[in-house]
Amino acid sequence: GEPLRQIPDHDRVMSVVTLPGDRVAT
């Protein structure tokens, strides 16, 4: 449960999905 990283999306995030290569889409 340790916090690791954060991404400032700047938008109201409603969905998130991961992609290969340590990428996420929001």
mmCIF file of all heavy atoms, coordinates in Angstrom:
data_MODEL
# 
_entry.id   MODEL 
# 
loop_
_atom_site.group_PDB 
_atom_site.id 
_atom_site.type_symbol 
_atom_site.label_atom_id 
_atom_site.label_alt_id 
_atom_site.label_comp_id 
_atom_site.label_asym_id 
_atom_site.label_entity_id 
_atom_site.label_seq_id 
_atom_site.pdbx_PDB_ins_code 
_atom_site.Cartn_x 
_atom_site.Cartn_y 
_atom_site.Cartn_z 
_atom_site.occupancy 
_atom_site.B_iso_or_equiv 
_atom_site.pdbx_formal_charge 
_atom_site.auth_seq_id 
_atom_site.auth_comp_id 
_atom_site.auth_asym_id 
_atom_site.auth_atom_id 
_atom_site.pdbx_PDB_model_num 
ATOM 1   N N   . GLY A 1 1  ? 0.796   -1.226 0.000   1.00 0.00 ? 1  GLY A N   1 
ATOM 2   C CA  . GLY A 1 1  ? 0.000   0.000  0.000   1.00 0.00 ? 1  GLY A CA  1 
ATOM 3   C C   . GLY A 1 1  ? 0.827   1.274  0.000   1.00 0.00 ? 1  GLY A C   1 
ATOM 4   O O   . GLY A 1 1  ? 0.281   2.380  0.073   1.00 0.00 ? 1  GLY A O   1 
ATOM 5   N N   . GLU A 1 2  ? 2.153   1.131  -0.097  1.00 0.00 ? 2  GLU A N   1 
ATOM 6   C CA  . GLU A 1 2  ? 3.039   2.290  -0.067  1.00 0.00 ? 2  GLU A CA  1 
ATOM 7   C C   . GLU A 1 2  ? 2.827   3.169  -1.304  1.00 0.00 ? 2  GLU A C   1 
ATOM 8   O O   . GLU A 1 2  ? 2.853   2.680  -2.436  1.00 0.00 ? 2  GLU A O   1 
ATOM 9   C CB  . GLU A 1 2  ? 4.488   1.821  -0.025  1.00 0.00 ? 2  GLU A CB  1 
ATOM 10  C CG  . GLU A 1 2  ? 5.507   2.944  -0.110  1.00 0.00 ? 2  GLU A CG  1 
ATOM 11  C CD  . GLU A 1 2  ? 6.912   2.428  -0.329  1.00 0.00 ? 2  GLU A CD  1 
ATOM 12  O OE1 . GLU A 1 2  ? 7.096   1.209  -0.434  1.00 0.00 ? 2  GLU A OE1 1 
ATOM 13  O OE2 . GLU A 1 2  ? 7.829   3.269  -0.416  1.00 0.00 ? 2  GLU A OE2 1 
ATOM 14  N N   . PRO A 1 3  ? 2.629   4.480  -1.122  1.00 0.00 ? 3  PRO A N   1 
ATOM 15  C CA  . PRO A 1 3  ? 2.520   5.388  -2.272  1.00 0.00 ? 3  PRO A CA  1 
ATOM 16  C C   . PRO A 1 3  ? 3.832   5.406  -3.044  1.00 0.00 ? 3  PRO A C   1 
ATOM 17  O O   . PRO A 1 3  ? 4.917   5.476  -2.455  1.00 0.00 ? 3  PRO A O   1 
ATOM 18  C CB  . PRO A 1 3  ? 2.234   6.745  -1.633  1.00 0.00 ? 3  PRO A CB  1 
ATOM 19  C CG  . PRO A 1 3  ? 1.754   6.443  -0.247  1.00 0.00 ? 3  PRO A CG  1 
ATOM 20  C CD  . PRO A 1 3  ? 2.455   5.189  0.164   1.00 0.00 ? 3  PRO A CD  1 
ATOM 21  N N   . LEU A 1 4  ? 3.750   5.357  -4.364  1.00 0.00 ? 4  LEU A N   1 
ATOM 22  C CA  . LEU A 1 4  ? 4.958   5.316  -5.183  1.00 0.00 ? 4  LEU A CA  1 
ATOM 23  C C   . LEU A 1 4  ? 5.110   6.552  -6.066  1.00 0.00 ? 4  LEU A C   1 
ATOM 24  O O   . LEU A 1 4  ? 6.100   7.256  -6.009  1.00 0.00 ? 4  LEU A O   1 
ATOM 25  C CB  . LEU A 1 4  ? 4.959   4.053  -6.053  1.00 0.00 ? 4  LEU A CB  1 
ATOM 26  C CG  . LEU A 1 4  ? 4.962   2.716  -5.297  1.00 0.00 ? 4  LEU A CG  1 
ATOM 27  C CD1 . LEU A 1 4  ? 4.853   1.559  -6.280  1.00 0.00 ? 4  LEU A CD1 1 
ATOM 28  C CD2 . LEU A 1 4  ? 6.230   2.594  -4.468  1.00 0.00 ? 4  LEU A CD2 1 
ATOM 29  N N   . ARG A 1 5  ? 4.102   6.807  -6.918  1.00 0.00 ? 5  ARG A N   1 
ATOM 30  C CA  . ARG A 1 5  ? 4.234   7.898  -7.886  1.00 0.00 ? 5  ARG A CA  1 
ATOM 31  C C   . ARG A 1 5  ? 2.895   8.596  -8.067  1.00 0.00 ? 5  ARG A C   1 
ATOM 32  O O   . ARG A 1 5  ? 1.857   8.052  -7.704  1.00 0.00 ? 5  ARG A O   1 
ATOM 33  C CB  . ARG A 1 5  ? 4.732   7.341  -9.224  1.00 0.00 ? 5  ARG A CB  1 
ATOM 34  C CG  . ARG A 1 5  ? 6.120   6.737  -9.145  1.00 0.00 ? 5  ARG A CG  1 
ATOM 35  C CD  . ARG A 1 5  ? 6.531   6.086  -10.450 1.00 0.00 ? 5  ARG A CD  1 
ATOM 36  N NE  . ARG A 1 5  ? 5.966   4.775  -10.644 1.00 0.00 ? 5  ARG A NE  1 
ATOM 37  C CZ  . ARG A 1 5  ? 6.356   3.929  -11.588 1.00 0.00 ? 5  ARG A CZ  1 
ATOM 38  N NH1 . ARG A 1 5  ? 7.299   4.288  -12.427 1.00 0.00 ? 5  ARG A NH1 1 
ATOM 39  N NH2 . ARG A 1 5  ? 5.808   2.737  -11.720 1.00 0.00 ? 5  ARG A NH2 1 
ATOM 40  N N   . GLN A 1 6  ? 2.936   9.783  -8.631  1.00 0.00 ? 6  GLN A N   1 
ATOM 41  C CA  . GLN A 1 6  ? 1.697   10.477 -8.941  1.00 0.00 ? 6  GLN A CA  1 
ATOM 42  C C   . GLN A 1 6  ? 1.847   11.255 -10.233 1.00 0.00 ? 6  GLN A C   1 
ATOM 43  O O   . GLN A 1 6  ? 2.923   11.752 -10.565 1.00 0.00 ? 6  GLN A O   1 
ATOM 44  C CB  . GLN A 1 6  ? 1.249   11.395 -7.808  1.00 0.00 ? 6  GLN A CB  1 
ATOM 45  C CG  . GLN A 1 6  ? 2.190   12.527 -7.453  1.00 0.00 ? 6  GLN A CG  1 
ATOM 46  C CD  . GLN A 1 6  ? 1.692   13.314 -6.267  1.00 0.00 ? 6  GLN A CD  1 
ATOM 47  O OE1 . GLN A 1 6  ? 1.081   12.768 -5.352  1.00 0.00 ? 6  GLN A OE1 1 
ATOM 48  N NE2 . GLN A 1 6  ? 1.936   14.609 -6.281  1.00 0.00 ? 6  GLN A NE2 1 
ATOM 49  N N   . ILE A 1 7  ? 0.743   11.324 -10.967 1.00 0.00 ? 7  ILE A N   1 
ATOM 50  C CA  . ILE A 1 7  ? 0.706   12.024 -12.250 1.00 0.00 ? 7  ILE A CA  1 
ATOM 51  C C   . ILE A 1 7  ? -0.330  13.134 -12.147 1.00 0.00 ? 7  ILE A C   1 
ATOM 52  O O   . ILE A 1 7  ? -1.515  12.858 -11.921 1.00 0.00 ? 7  ILE A O   1 
ATOM 53  C CB  . ILE A 1 7  ? 0.325   11.068 -13.389 1.00 0.00 ? 7  ILE A CB  1 
ATOM 54  C CG1 . ILE A 1 7  ? 1.362   9.937  -13.501 1.00 0.00 ? 7  ILE A CG1 1 
ATOM 55  C CG2 . ILE A 1 7  ? 0.201   11.816 -14.705 1.00 0.00 ? 7  ILE A CG2 1 
ATOM 56  C CD1 . ILE A 1 7  ? 0.933   8.835  -14.448 1.00 0.00 ? 7  ILE A CD1 1 
ATOM 57  N N   . PRO A 1 8  ? 0.066   14.377 -12.295 1.00 0.00 ? 8  PRO A N   1 
ATOM 58  C CA  . PRO A 1 8  ? -0.902  15.492 -12.239 1.00 0.00 ? 8  PRO A CA  1 
ATOM 59  C C   . PRO A 1 8  ? -1.658  15.599 -13.555 1.00 0.00 ? 8  PRO A C   1 
ATOM 60  O O   . PRO A 1 8  ? -1.204  16.226 -14.506 1.00 0.00 ? 8  PRO A O   1 
ATOM 61  C CB  . PRO A 1 8  ? -0.005  16.712 -11.999 1.00 0.00 ? 8  PRO A CB  1 
ATOM 62  C CG  . PRO A 1 8  ? 1.293   16.338 -12.644 1.00 0.00 ? 8  PRO A CG  1 
ATOM 63  C CD  . PRO A 1 8  ? 1.442   14.844 -12.489 1.00 0.00 ? 8  PRO A CD  1 
ATOM 64  N N   . ASP A 1 9  ? -2.828  14.984 -13.611 1.00 0.00 ? 9  ASP A N   1 
ATOM 65  C CA  . ASP A 1 9  ? -3.562  14.912 -14.871 1.00 0.00 ? 9  ASP A CA  1 
ATOM 66  C C   . ASP A 1 9  ? -4.136  16.268 -15.289 1.00 0.00 ? 9  ASP A C   1 
ATOM 67  O O   . ASP A 1 9  ? -4.383  16.503 -16.460 1.00 0.00 ? 9  ASP A O   1 
ATOM 68  C CB  . ASP A 1 9  ? -4.696  13.881 -14.750 1.00 0.00 ? 9  ASP A CB  1 
ATOM 69  C CG  . ASP A 1 9  ? -5.400  13.634 -16.064 1.00 0.00 ? 9  ASP A CG  1 
ATOM 70  O OD1 . ASP A 1 9  ? -4.945  12.802 -16.863 1.00 0.00 ? 9  ASP A OD1 1 
ATOM 71  O OD2 . ASP A 1 9  ? -6.410  14.316 -16.308 1.00 0.00 ? 9  ASP A OD2 1 
ATOM 72  N N   . HIS A 1 10 ? -4.387  17.142 -14.336 1.00 0.00 ? 10 HIS A N   1 
ATOM 73  C CA  . HIS A 1 10 ? -4.943  18.478 -14.576 1.00 0.00 ? 10 HIS A CA  1 
ATOM 74  C C   . HIS A 1 10 ? -6.421  18.440 -14.975 1.00 0.00 ? 10 HIS A C   1 
ATOM 75  O O   . HIS A 1 10 ? -7.028  19.481 -15.169 1.00 0.00 ? 10 HIS A O   1 
ATOM 76  C CB  . HIS A 1 10 ? -4.158  19.238 -15.660 1.00 0.00 ? 10 HIS A CB  1 
ATOM 77  C CG  . HIS A 1 10 ? -2.692  19.305 -15.391 1.00 0.00 ? 10 HIS A CG  1 
ATOM 78  N ND1 . HIS A 1 10 ? -2.174  19.912 -14.279 1.00 0.00 ? 10 HIS A ND1 1 
ATOM 79  C CD2 . HIS A 1 10 ? -1.637  18.821 -16.088 1.00 0.00 ? 10 HIS A CD2 1 
ATOM 80  C CE1 . HIS A 1 10 ? -0.858  19.828 -14.297 1.00 0.00 ? 10 HIS A CE1 1 
ATOM 81  N NE2 . HIS A 1 10 ? -0.503  19.161 -15.372 1.00 0.00 ? 10 HIS A NE2 1 
ATOM 82  N N   . ASP A 1 11 ? -6.995  17.267 -15.111 1.00 0.00 ? 11 ASP A N   1 
ATOM 83  C CA  . ASP A 1 11 ? -8.392  17.126 -15.494 1.00 0.00 ? 11 ASP A CA  1 
ATOM 84  C C   . ASP A 1 11 ? -9.109  16.267 -14.456 1.00 0.00 ? 11 ASP A C   1 
ATOM 85  O O   . ASP A 1 11 ? -8.496  15.666 -13.577 1.00 0.00 ? 11 ASP A O   1 
ATOM 86  C CB  . ASP A 1 11 ? -8.524  16.459 -16.871 1.00 0.00 ? 11 ASP A CB  1 
ATOM 87  C CG  . ASP A 1 11 ? -8.005  17.346 -17.990 1.00 0.00 ? 11 ASP A CG  1 
ATOM 88  O OD1 . ASP A 1 11 ? -8.033  18.579 -17.823 1.00 0.00 ? 11 ASP A OD1 1 
ATOM 89  O OD2 . ASP A 1 11 ? -7.570  16.810 -19.017 1.00 0.00 ? 11 ASP A OD2 1 
ATOM 90  N N   . ARG A 1 12 ? -10.425 16.212 -14.578 1.00 0.00 ? 12 ARG A N   1 
ATOM 91  C CA  . ARG A 1 12 ? -11.224 15.357 -13.703 1.00 0.00 ? 12 ARG A CA  1 
ATOM 92  C C   . ARG A 1 12 ? -11.171 13.929 -14.259 1.00 0.00 ? 12 ARG A C   1 
ATOM 93  O O   . ARG A 1 12 ? -11.812 13.612 -15.248 1.00 0.00 ? 12 ARG A O   1 
ATOM 94  C CB  . ARG A 1 12 ? -12.665 15.868 -13.652 1.00 0.00 ? 12 ARG A CB  1 
ATOM 95  C CG  . ARG A 1 12 ? -13.573 15.073 -12.727 1.00 0.00 ? 12 ARG A CG  1 
ATOM 96  C CD  . ARG A 1 12 ? -14.888 15.822 -12.566 1.00 0.00 ? 12 ARG A CD  1 
ATOM 97  N NE  . ARG A 1 12 ? -15.835 15.070 -11.755 1.00 0.00 ? 12 ARG A NE  1 
ATOM 98  C CZ  . ARG A 1 12 ? -16.922 14.501 -12.240 1.00 0.00 ? 12 ARG A CZ  1 
ATOM 99  N NH1 . ARG A 1 12 ? -17.198 14.580 -13.521 1.00 0.00 ? 12 ARG A NH1 1 
ATOM 100 N NH2 . ARG A 1 12 ? -17.751 13.849 -11.451 1.00 0.00 ? 12 ARG A NH2 1 
ATOM 101 N N   . VAL A 1 13 ? -10.372 13.075 -13.636 1.00 0.00 ? 13 VAL A N   1 
ATOM 102 C CA  . VAL A 1 13 ? -10.154 11.731 -14.152 1.00 0.00 ? 13 VAL A CA  1 
ATOM 103 C C   . VAL A 1 13 ? -11.330 10.836 -13.794 1.00 0.00 ? 13 VAL A C   1 
ATOM 104 O O   . VAL A 1 13 ? -11.714 10.722 -12.631 1.00 0.00 ? 13 VAL A O   1 
ATOM 105 C CB  . VAL A 1 13 ? -8.851  11.128 -13.589 1.00 0.00 ? 13 VAL A CB  1 
ATOM 106 C CG1 . VAL A 1 13 ? -8.616  9.743  -14.169 1.00 0.00 ? 13 VAL A CG1 1 
ATOM 107 C CG2 . VAL A 1 13 ? -7.676  12.034 -13.892 1.00 0.00 ? 13 VAL A CG2 1 
ATOM 108 N N   . MET A 1 14 ? -11.913 10.180 -14.798 1.00 0.00 ? 14 MET A N   1 
ATOM 109 C CA  . MET A 1 14 ? -13.039 9.288  -14.574 1.00 0.00 ? 14 MET A CA  1 
ATOM 110 C C   . MET A 1 14 ? -12.696 7.840  -14.910 1.00 0.00 ? 14 MET A C   1 
ATOM 111 O O   . MET A 1 14 ? -13.354 6.928  -14.438 1.00 0.00 ? 14 MET A O   1 
ATOM 112 C CB  . MET A 1 14 ? -14.252 9.750  -15.394 1.00 0.00 ? 14 MET A CB  1 
ATOM 113 C CG  . MET A 1 14 ? -14.662 11.174 -15.090 1.00 0.00 ? 14 MET A CG  1 
ATOM 114 S SD  . MET A 1 14 ? -16.148 11.686 -15.957 1.00 0.00 ? 14 MET A SD  1 
ATOM 115 C CE  . MET A 1 14 ? -17.394 10.795 -15.050 1.00 0.00 ? 14 MET A CE  1 
ATOM 116 N N   . SER A 1 15 ? -11.668 7.621  -15.736 1.00 0.00 ? 15 SER A N   1 
ATOM 117 C CA  . SER A 1 15 ? -11.240 6.266  -16.078 1.00 0.00 ? 15 SER A CA  1 
ATOM 118 C C   . SER A 1 15 ? -9.733  6.261  -16.266 1.00 0.00 ? 15 SER A C   1 
ATOM 119 O O   . SER A 1 15 ? -9.141  7.249  -16.714 1.00 0.00 ? 15 SER A O   1 
ATOM 120 C CB  . SER A 1 15 ? -11.903 5.777  -17.373 1.00 0.00 ? 15 SER A CB  1 
ATOM 121 O OG  . SER A 1 15 ? -13.289 5.617  -17.207 1.00 0.00 ? 15 SER A OG  1 
ATOM 122 N N   . VAL A 1 16 ? -9.114  5.144  -15.910 1.00 0.00 ? 16 VAL A N   1 
ATOM 123 C CA  . VAL A 1 16 ? -7.682  4.978  -16.111 1.00 0.00 ? 16 VAL A CA  1 
ATOM 124 C C   . VAL A 1 16 ? -7.431  3.556  -16.578 1.00 0.00 ? 16 VAL A C   1 
ATOM 125 O O   . VAL A 1 16 ? -8.095  2.612  -16.136 1.00 0.00 ? 16 VAL A O   1 
ATOM 126 C CB  . VAL A 1 16 ? -6.883  5.291  -14.822 1.00 0.00 ? 16 VAL A CB  1 
ATOM 127 C CG1 . VAL A 1 16 ? -7.313  4.387  -13.672 1.00 0.00 ? 16 VAL A CG1 1 
ATOM 128 C CG2 . VAL A 1 16 ? -5.392  5.166  -15.064 1.00 0.00 ? 16 VAL A CG2 1 
ATOM 129 N N   . VAL A 1 17 ? -6.490  3.387  -17.515 1.00 0.00 ? 17 VAL A N   1 
ATOM 130 C CA  . VAL A 1 17 ? -6.145  2.070  -18.021 1.00 0.00 ? 17 VAL A CA  1 
ATOM 131 C C   . VAL A 1 17 ? -4.645  2.052  -18.284 1.00 0.00 ? 17 VAL A C   1 
ATOM 132 O O   . VAL A 1 17 ? -4.043  3.077  -18.613 1.00 0.00 ? 17 VAL A O   1 
ATOM 133 C CB  . VAL A 1 17 ? -6.938  1.740  -19.310 1.00 0.00 ? 17 VAL A CB  1 
ATOM 134 C CG1 . VAL A 1 17 ? -6.564  2.674  -20.442 1.00 0.00 ? 17 VAL A CG1 1 
ATOM 135 C CG2 . VAL A 1 17 ? -6.753  0.297  -19.718 1.00 0.00 ? 17 VAL A CG2 1 
ATOM 136 N N   . THR A 1 18 ? -4.009  0.892  -18.113 1.00 0.00 ? 18 THR A N   1 
ATOM 137 C CA  . THR A 1 18 ? -2.576  0.784  -18.338 1.00 0.00 ? 18 THR A CA  1 
ATOM 138 C C   . THR A 1 18 ? -2.285  0.267  -19.740 1.00 0.00 ? 18 THR A C   1 
ATOM 139 O O   . THR A 1 18 ? -3.062  -0.478 -20.320 1.00 0.00 ? 18 THR A O   1 
ATOM 140 C CB  . THR A 1 18 ? -1.928  -0.150 -17.301 1.00 0.00 ? 18 THR A CB  1 
ATOM 141 O OG1 . THR A 1 18 ? -2.555  -1.431 -17.346 1.00 0.00 ? 18 THR A OG1 1 
ATOM 142 C CG2 . THR A 1 18 ? -2.076  0.421  -15.905 1.00 0.00 ? 18 THR A CG2 1 
ATOM 143 N N   . LEU A 1 19 ? -1.125  0.668  -20.250 1.00 0.00 ? 19 LEU A N   1 
ATOM 144 C CA  . LEU A 1 19 ? -0.631  0.227  -21.546 1.00 0.00 ? 19 LEU A CA  1 
ATOM 145 C C   . LEU A 1 19 ? 0.779   -0.315 -21.361 1.00 0.00 ? 19 LEU A C   1 
ATOM 146 O O   . LEU A 1 19 ? 1.463   0.045  -20.385 1.00 0.00 ? 19 LEU A O   1 
ATOM 147 C CB  . LEU A 1 19 ? -0.610  1.369  -22.566 1.00 0.00 ? 19 LEU A CB  1 
ATOM 148 C CG  . LEU A 1 19 ? -1.943  1.966  -23.015 1.00 0.00 ? 19 LEU A CG  1 
ATOM 149 C CD1 . LEU A 1 19 ? -2.386  3.066  -22.062 1.00 0.00 ? 19 LEU A CD1 1 
ATOM 150 C CD2 . LEU A 1 19 ? -1.831  2.531  -24.418 1.00 0.00 ? 19 LEU A CD2 1 
ATOM 151 N N   . PRO A 1 20 ? 1.247   -1.144 -22.273 1.00 0.00 ? 20 PRO A N   1 
ATOM 152 C CA  . PRO A 1 20 ? 2.629   -1.643 -22.167 1.00 0.00 ? 20 PRO A CA  1 
ATOM 153 C C   . PRO A 1 20 ? 3.626   -0.490 -22.146 1.00 0.00 ? 20 PRO A C   1 
ATOM 154 O O   . PRO A 1 20 ? 3.369   0.593  -22.674 1.00 0.00 ? 20 PRO A O   1 
ATOM 155 C CB  . PRO A 1 20 ? 2.787   -2.485 -23.443 1.00 0.00 ? 20 PRO A CB  1 
ATOM 156 C CG  . PRO A 1 20 ? 1.402   -2.868 -23.837 1.00 0.00 ? 20 PRO A CG  1 
ATOM 157 C CD  . PRO A 1 20 ? 0.530   -1.721 -23.431 1.00 0.00 ? 20 PRO A CD  1 
ATOM 158 N N   . GLY A 1 21 ? 4.773   -0.754 -21.520 1.00 0.00 ? 21 GLY A N   1 
ATOM 159 C CA  . GLY A 1 21 ? 5.806   0.274  -21.465 1.00 0.00 ? 21 GLY A CA  1 
ATOM 160 C C   . GLY A 1 21 ? 5.612   1.274  -20.356 1.00 0.00 ? 21 GLY A C   1 
ATOM 161 O O   . GLY A 1 21 ? 6.032   2.429  -20.479 1.00 0.00 ? 21 GLY A O   1 
ATOM 162 N N   . ASP A 1 22 ? 4.997   0.855  -19.247 1.00 0.00 ? 22 ASP A N   1 
ATOM 163 C CA  . ASP A 1 22 ? 4.770   1.739  -18.102 1.00 0.00 ? 22 ASP A CA  1 
ATOM 164 C C   . ASP A 1 22 ? 4.066   3.030  -18.512 1.00 0.00 ? 22 ASP A C   1 
ATOM 165 O O   . ASP A 1 22 ? 4.472   4.143  -18.157 1.00 0.00 ? 22 ASP A O   1 
ATOM 166 C CB  . ASP A 1 22 ? 6.088   2.072  -17.392 1.00 0.00 ? 22 ASP A CB  1 
ATOM 167 C CG  . ASP A 1 22 ? 6.478   1.010  -16.384 1.00 0.00 ? 22 ASP A CG  1 
ATOM 168 O OD1 . ASP A 1 22 ? 5.598   0.238  -15.974 1.00 0.00 ? 22 ASP A OD1 1 
ATOM 169 O OD2 . ASP A 1 22 ? 7.665   0.950  -16.009 1.00 0.00 ? 22 ASP A OD2 1 
ATOM 170 N N   . ARG A 1 23 ? 2.959   2.859  -19.265 1.00 0.00 ? 23 ARG A N   1 
ATOM 171 C CA  . ARG A 1 23 ? 2.136   3.987  -19.653 1.00 0.00 ? 23 ARG A CA  1 
ATOM 172 C C   . ARG A 1 23 ? 0.728   3.814  -19.090 1.00 0.00 ? 23 ARG A C   1 
ATOM 173 O O   . ARG A 1 23 ? 0.272   2.698  -18.887 1.00 0.00 ? 23 ARG A O   1 
ATOM 174 C CB  . ARG A 1 23 ? 2.052   4.106  -21.177 1.00 0.00 ? 23 ARG A CB  1 
ATOM 175 C CG  . ARG A 1 23 ? 3.370   4.413  -21.876 1.00 0.00 ? 23 ARG A CG  1 
ATOM 176 C CD  . ARG A 1 23 ? 3.202   4.355  -23.383 1.00 0.00 ? 23 ARG A CD  1 
ATOM 177 N NE  . ARG A 1 23 ? 2.834   3.008  -23.818 1.00 0.00 ? 23 ARG A NE  1 
ATOM 178 C CZ  . ARG A 1 23 ? 2.272   2.740  -25.008 1.00 0.00 ? 23 ARG A CZ  1 
ATOM 179 N NH1 . ARG A 1 23 ? 2.001   3.717  -25.857 1.00 0.00 ? 23 ARG A NH1 1 
ATOM 180 N NH2 . ARG A 1 23 ? 1.975   1.496  -25.340 1.00 0.00 ? 23 ARG A NH2 1 
ATOM 181 N N   . VAL A 1 24 ? 0.067   4.924  -18.834 1.00 0.00 ? 24 VAL A N   1 
ATOM 182 C CA  . VAL A 1 24 ? -1.344  4.902  -18.453 1.00 0.00 ? 24 VAL A CA  1 
ATOM 183 C C   . VAL A 1 24 ? -2.093  5.893  -19.335 1.00 0.00 ? 24 VAL A C   1 
ATOM 184 O O   . VAL A 1 24 ? -1.525  6.894  -19.793 1.00 0.00 ? 24 VAL A O   1 
ATOM 185 C CB  . VAL A 1 24 ? -1.580  5.244  -16.965 1.00 0.00 ? 24 VAL A CB  1 
ATOM 186 C CG1 . VAL A 1 24 ? -0.929  4.223  -16.066 1.00 0.00 ? 24 VAL A CG1 1 
ATOM 187 C CG2 . VAL A 1 24 ? -1.102  6.643  -16.638 1.00 0.00 ? 24 VAL A CG2 1 
ATOM 188 N N   . ALA A 1 25 ? -3.354  5.587  -19.578 1.00 0.00 ? 25 ALA A N   1 
ATOM 189 C CA  . ALA A 1 25 ? -4.233  6.504  -20.296 1.00 0.00 ? 25 ALA A CA  1 
ATOM 190 C C   . ALA A 1 25 ? -5.355  6.913  -19.364 1.00 0.00 ? 25 ALA A C   1 
ATOM 191 O O   . ALA A 1 25 ? -5.842  6.104  -18.556 1.00 0.00 ? 25 ALA A O   1 
ATOM 192 C CB  . ALA A 1 25 ? -4.795  5.849  -21.558 1.00 0.00 ? 25 ALA A CB  1 
ATOM 193 N N   . THR A 1 26 ? -5.777  8.159  -19.446 1.00 0.00 ? 26 THR A N   1 
ATOM 194 C CA  . THR A 1 26 ? -6.849  8.675  -18.598 1.00 0.00 ? 26 THR A CA  1 
ATOM 195 C C   . THR A 1 26 ? -7.922  9.335  -19.452 1.00 0.00 ? 26 THR A C   1 
ATOM 196 O O   . THR A 1 26 ? -7.644  9.882  -20.523 1.00 0.00 ? 26 THR A O   1 
ATOM 197 C CB  . THR A 1 26 ? -6.307  9.710  -17.586 1.00 0.00 ? 26 THR A CB  1 
ATOM 198 O OG1 . THR A 1 26 ? -5.663  10.782 -18.301 1.00 0.00 ? 26 THR A OG1 1 
ATOM 199 C CG2 . THR A 1 26 ? -5.314  9.068  -16.630 1.00 0.00 ? 26 THR A CG2 1 
# 
